[in-house]
Amino acid sequence: MRFAVTLSFVLAAGTAALADGSGKLLVPRGTVVAVLVAQELRGSATGGNNGTNPVRLQVAQDVIVNHELIAKAGDTVDAAVTNATSVHPGITMHSGTVETVSVIDVANFCGDTLHVAGQFSAEGSVKSGLFGAKVKDAVIPKGTVLLVSTDRVEKKICGEKTSANPAPVPANAVTPSAG
């Protein structure tokens, strides 16, 4: 399994979430959200599922900004999975597939939307020759934790006061792919 890992994040827990008087919070751009892949995402190396499909992921751990809980573990995360296959003819036939997961939105526990960004890729391939074919699907396994961050300042997000401190970023978390 190969994930392109090129960026790093610092958890934005120390950045202030400010109330505007309405009881809603101002969440800074760059606030990190850990997202859990709850079911295996598989792109067929033979190209049978090219295109873009919506997929539901979930928040992996509570998101706390300045002692305000803004998203709970298990909250819904909307994403899109795109599969693209390319064929390279020659003496041996080779094709490759790239599965890209684009994380788009987090719907928090009280119905507000955090707009997030992060793309993650897995590669697969088919190599055909005189002695058969070797197939490797593009897979992002169940249980993978993806790190995304808010892509803008979020205004008027609901939150709950908490005395809890933000959990550290999971050590096995995958950061967005370059590109």
Protein backbone atom coordinates (compact mmCIF):
# COMPACT_ATOMS: atom_id res chain seq x y z
CA MET A 1 0.00 0.00 0.00
CA ARG A 2 1.37 3.39 -0.91
CA PHE A 3 0.11 6.74 0.31
CA ALA A 4 1.69 9.96 -0.81
CA VAL A 5 2.45 11.83 2.41
CA THR A 6 3.97 15.23 1.88
CA LEU A 7 2.33 17.80 4.14
CA SER A 8 2.24 18.09 7.89
CA PHE A 9 -0.20 19.78 10.24
CA VAL A 10 -0.05 21.26 13.69
CA LEU A 11 -3.24 20.81 15.67
CA ALA A 12 -4.97 24.18 15.88
CA ALA A 13 -6.12 23.66 19.46
CA GLY A 14 -4.36 26.74 20.80
CA THR A 15 -6.07 29.05 18.32
CA ALA A 16 -9.02 30.93 19.77
CA ALA A 17 -12.60 30.15 18.89
CA LEU A 18 -14.38 33.43 19.46
CA ALA A 19 -18.05 33.88 20.16
CA ASP A 20 -19.72 36.76 18.32
CA GLY A 21 -22.42 37.38 20.93
CA SER A 22 -24.87 34.92 19.35
CA GLY A 23 -23.38 31.97 21.20
CA LYS A 24 -21.94 30.74 17.91
CA LEU A 25 -18.19 30.41 17.44
CA LEU A 26 -15.66 31.70 14.96
CA VAL A 27 -13.44 28.76 14.01
CA PRO A 28 -10.06 29.65 12.47
CA ARG A 29 -8.94 28.51 9.05
CA GLY A 30 -6.55 25.56 9.36
CA THR A 31 -8.32 23.88 12.29
CA VAL A 32 -7.40 20.19 11.98
CA VAL A 33 -10.01 17.44 11.89
CA ALA A 34 -9.05 13.75 12.04
CA VAL A 35 -11.35 11.73 9.72
CA LEU A 36 -11.89 7.97 9.99
CA VAL A 37 -12.36 5.72 6.97
CA ALA A 38 -15.12 3.50 8.39
CA GLN A 39 -15.18 1.08 5.44
CA GLU A 40 -12.52 0.07 2.95
CA LEU A 41 -12.35 2.29 -0.14
CA ARG A 42 -11.27 0.22 -3.15
CA GLY A 43 -10.61 1.37 -6.70
CA SER A 44 -10.50 -1.47 -9.20
CA ALA A 45 -7.20 -1.70 -11.05
CA THR A 46 -9.07 -3.08 -14.06
CA GLY A 47 -11.01 0.17 -14.42
CA GLY A 48 -14.50 -1.12 -13.73
CA ASN A 49 -15.46 1.76 -11.44
CA ASN A 50 -14.05 4.92 -13.03
CA GLY A 51 -15.84 8.13 -12.08
CA THR A 52 -16.71 10.04 -8.92
CA ASN A 53 -18.87 8.66 -6.14
CA PRO A 54 -19.95 10.23 -2.84
CA VAL A 55 -18.86 8.47 0.33
CA ARG A 56 -19.55 9.05 4.03
CA LEU A 57 -16.68 9.06 6.49
CA GLN A 58 -16.73 10.10 10.14
CA VAL A 59 -14.90 12.36 12.56
CA ALA A 60 -12.27 10.18 14.29
CA GLN A 61 -11.93 12.15 17.53
CA ASP A 62 -13.51 15.17 19.20
CA VAL A 63 -12.40 18.51 17.74
CA ILE A 64 -11.79 21.01 20.53
CA VAL A 65 -10.77 24.61 19.95
CA ASN A 66 -10.11 26.80 23.00
CA HIS A 67 -12.24 24.60 25.31
CA GLU A 68 -15.13 24.51 22.84
CA LEU A 69 -16.19 21.18 21.33
CA ILE A 70 -17.02 21.93 17.68
CA ALA A 71 -17.25 18.38 16.27
CA LYS A 72 -17.71 15.05 18.04
CA ALA A 73 -16.21 11.68 17.20
CA GLY A 74 -18.67 9.96 14.89
CA ASP A 75 -20.03 13.14 13.27
CA THR A 76 -20.65 12.77 9.52
CA VAL A 77 -17.98 13.71 6.99
CA ASP A 78 -18.90 14.02 3.29
CA ALA A 79 -16.28 13.06 0.73
CA ALA A 80 -16.00 12.06 -2.91
CA VAL A 81 -14.01 9.13 -4.27
CA THR A 82 -12.66 9.46 -7.79
CA ASN A 83 -11.13 6.56 -9.68
CA ALA A 84 -9.12 7.10 -12.85
CA THR A 85 -7.47 4.40 -14.96
CA SER A 86 -4.79 4.89 -17.59
CA VAL A 87 -3.50 2.27 -20.05
CA HIS A 88 0.10 2.09 -21.28
CA PRO A 89 0.36 -0.31 -24.26
CA GLY A 90 3.64 -1.96 -25.17
CA ILE A 91 5.24 -5.39 -25.27
CA THR A 92 3.62 -5.92 -21.89
CA MET A 93 0.34 -4.19 -21.20
CA HIS A 94 0.36 -1.96 -18.13
CA SER A 95 -2.48 0.05 -16.70
CA GLY A 96 -2.67 2.04 -13.54
CA THR A 97 -5.48 3.30 -11.39
CA VAL A 98 -5.44 6.13 -8.92
CA GLU A 99 -8.13 6.37 -6.29
CA THR A 100 -8.47 9.86 -4.84
CA VAL A 101 -10.57 10.70 -1.79
CA SER A 102 -11.50 14.38 -1.57
CA VAL A 103 -12.86 15.31 1.86
CA ILE A 104 -15.35 18.17 1.58
CA ASP A 105 -17.54 18.89 4.63
CA VAL A 106 -18.04 17.94 8.27
CA ALA A 107 -21.62 18.07 9.55
CA ASN A 108 -21.21 18.58 13.29
CA PHE A 109 -23.45 17.34 16.10
CA CYS A 110 -25.80 20.33 15.99
CA GLY A 111 -26.14 20.58 12.21
CA ASP A 112 -23.54 23.21 11.34
CA THR A 113 -21.09 22.61 8.48
CA LEU A 114 -17.33 22.90 8.71
CA HIS A 115 -15.84 23.24 5.22
CA VAL A 116 -12.64 21.23 5.07
CA ALA A 117 -10.11 20.29 2.42
CA GLY A 118 -7.80 17.37 1.91
CA GLN A 119 -7.12 14.91 -0.90
CA PHE A 120 -5.69 11.44 -0.39
CA SER A 121 -4.54 9.01 -3.06
CA ALA A 122 -3.87 5.30 -3.38
CA GLU A 123 -2.41 3.67 -6.48
CA GLY A 124 -3.14 0.34 -8.10
CA SER A 125 -1.96 -1.37 -11.26
CA VAL A 126 -2.42 -4.20 -13.73
CA LYS A 127 0.65 -5.63 -15.45
CA SER A 128 0.02 -8.16 -18.22
CA GLY A 129 2.64 -10.26 -19.90
CA LEU A 130 3.25 -13.63 -21.44
CA PHE A 131 2.63 -15.44 -18.16
CA GLY A 132 -0.60 -13.76 -17.05
CA ALA A 133 -1.53 -10.62 -15.20
CA LYS A 134 -0.64 -9.17 -11.84
CA VAL A 135 -3.46 -7.04 -10.39
CA LYS A 136 -3.20 -4.62 -7.46
CA ASP A 137 -6.32 -2.55 -6.66
CA ALA A 138 -6.02 0.96 -5.22
CA VAL A 139 -7.11 0.64 -1.58
CA ILE A 140 -7.52 2.98 1.36
CA PRO A 141 -8.13 0.52 4.20
CA LYS A 142 -10.87 0.63 6.82
CA GLY A 143 -9.55 2.29 9.98
CA THR A 144 -7.26 4.74 8.16
CA VAL A 145 -7.25 8.18 9.79
CA LEU A 146 -6.99 11.11 7.37
CA LEU A 147 -6.05 14.63 8.49
CA VAL A 148 -7.95 17.51 6.92
CA SER A 149 -8.28 21.14 7.94
CA THR A 150 -10.86 23.87 7.61
CA ASP A 151 -10.24 25.72 4.37
CA ARG A 152 -11.73 29.03 5.52
CA VAL A 153 -12.69 30.89 8.65
CA GLU A 154 -15.92 29.31 9.83
CA LYS A 155 -18.41 31.80 11.22
CA LYS A 156 -21.31 30.99 13.49
CA ILE A 157 -20.44 27.38 14.32
CA CYS A 158 -22.18 25.86 17.33
CA GLY A 159 -20.08 24.43 20.10
CA GLU A 160 -20.22 23.10 23.62
CA LYS A 161 -18.01 24.23 26.47
CA THR A 162 -15.68 21.47 27.64
CA SER A 163 -12.93 21.12 30.19
CA ALA A 164 -11.27 18.46 28.04
CA ASN A 165 -8.04 19.14 26.22
CA PRO A 166 -7.68 18.29 22.52
CA ALA A 167 -6.42 14.78 21.87
CA PRO A 168 -3.07 14.56 20.10
CA VAL A 169 -3.07 13.89 16.39
CA PRO A 170 -3.08 10.10 15.90
CA ALA A 171 0.44 8.86 15.18
CA ASN A 172 -0.74 6.79 12.21
CA ALA A 173 -2.75 9.62 10.61
CA VAL A 174 -2.25 10.24 6.89
CA THR A 175 -1.76 13.80 5.64
CA PRO A 176 -3.06 15.03 2.26
CA SER A 177 -1.39 14.00 -1.00
CA ALA A 178 0.51 16.65 -2.93
CA GLY A 179 -1.12 18.02 -6.00
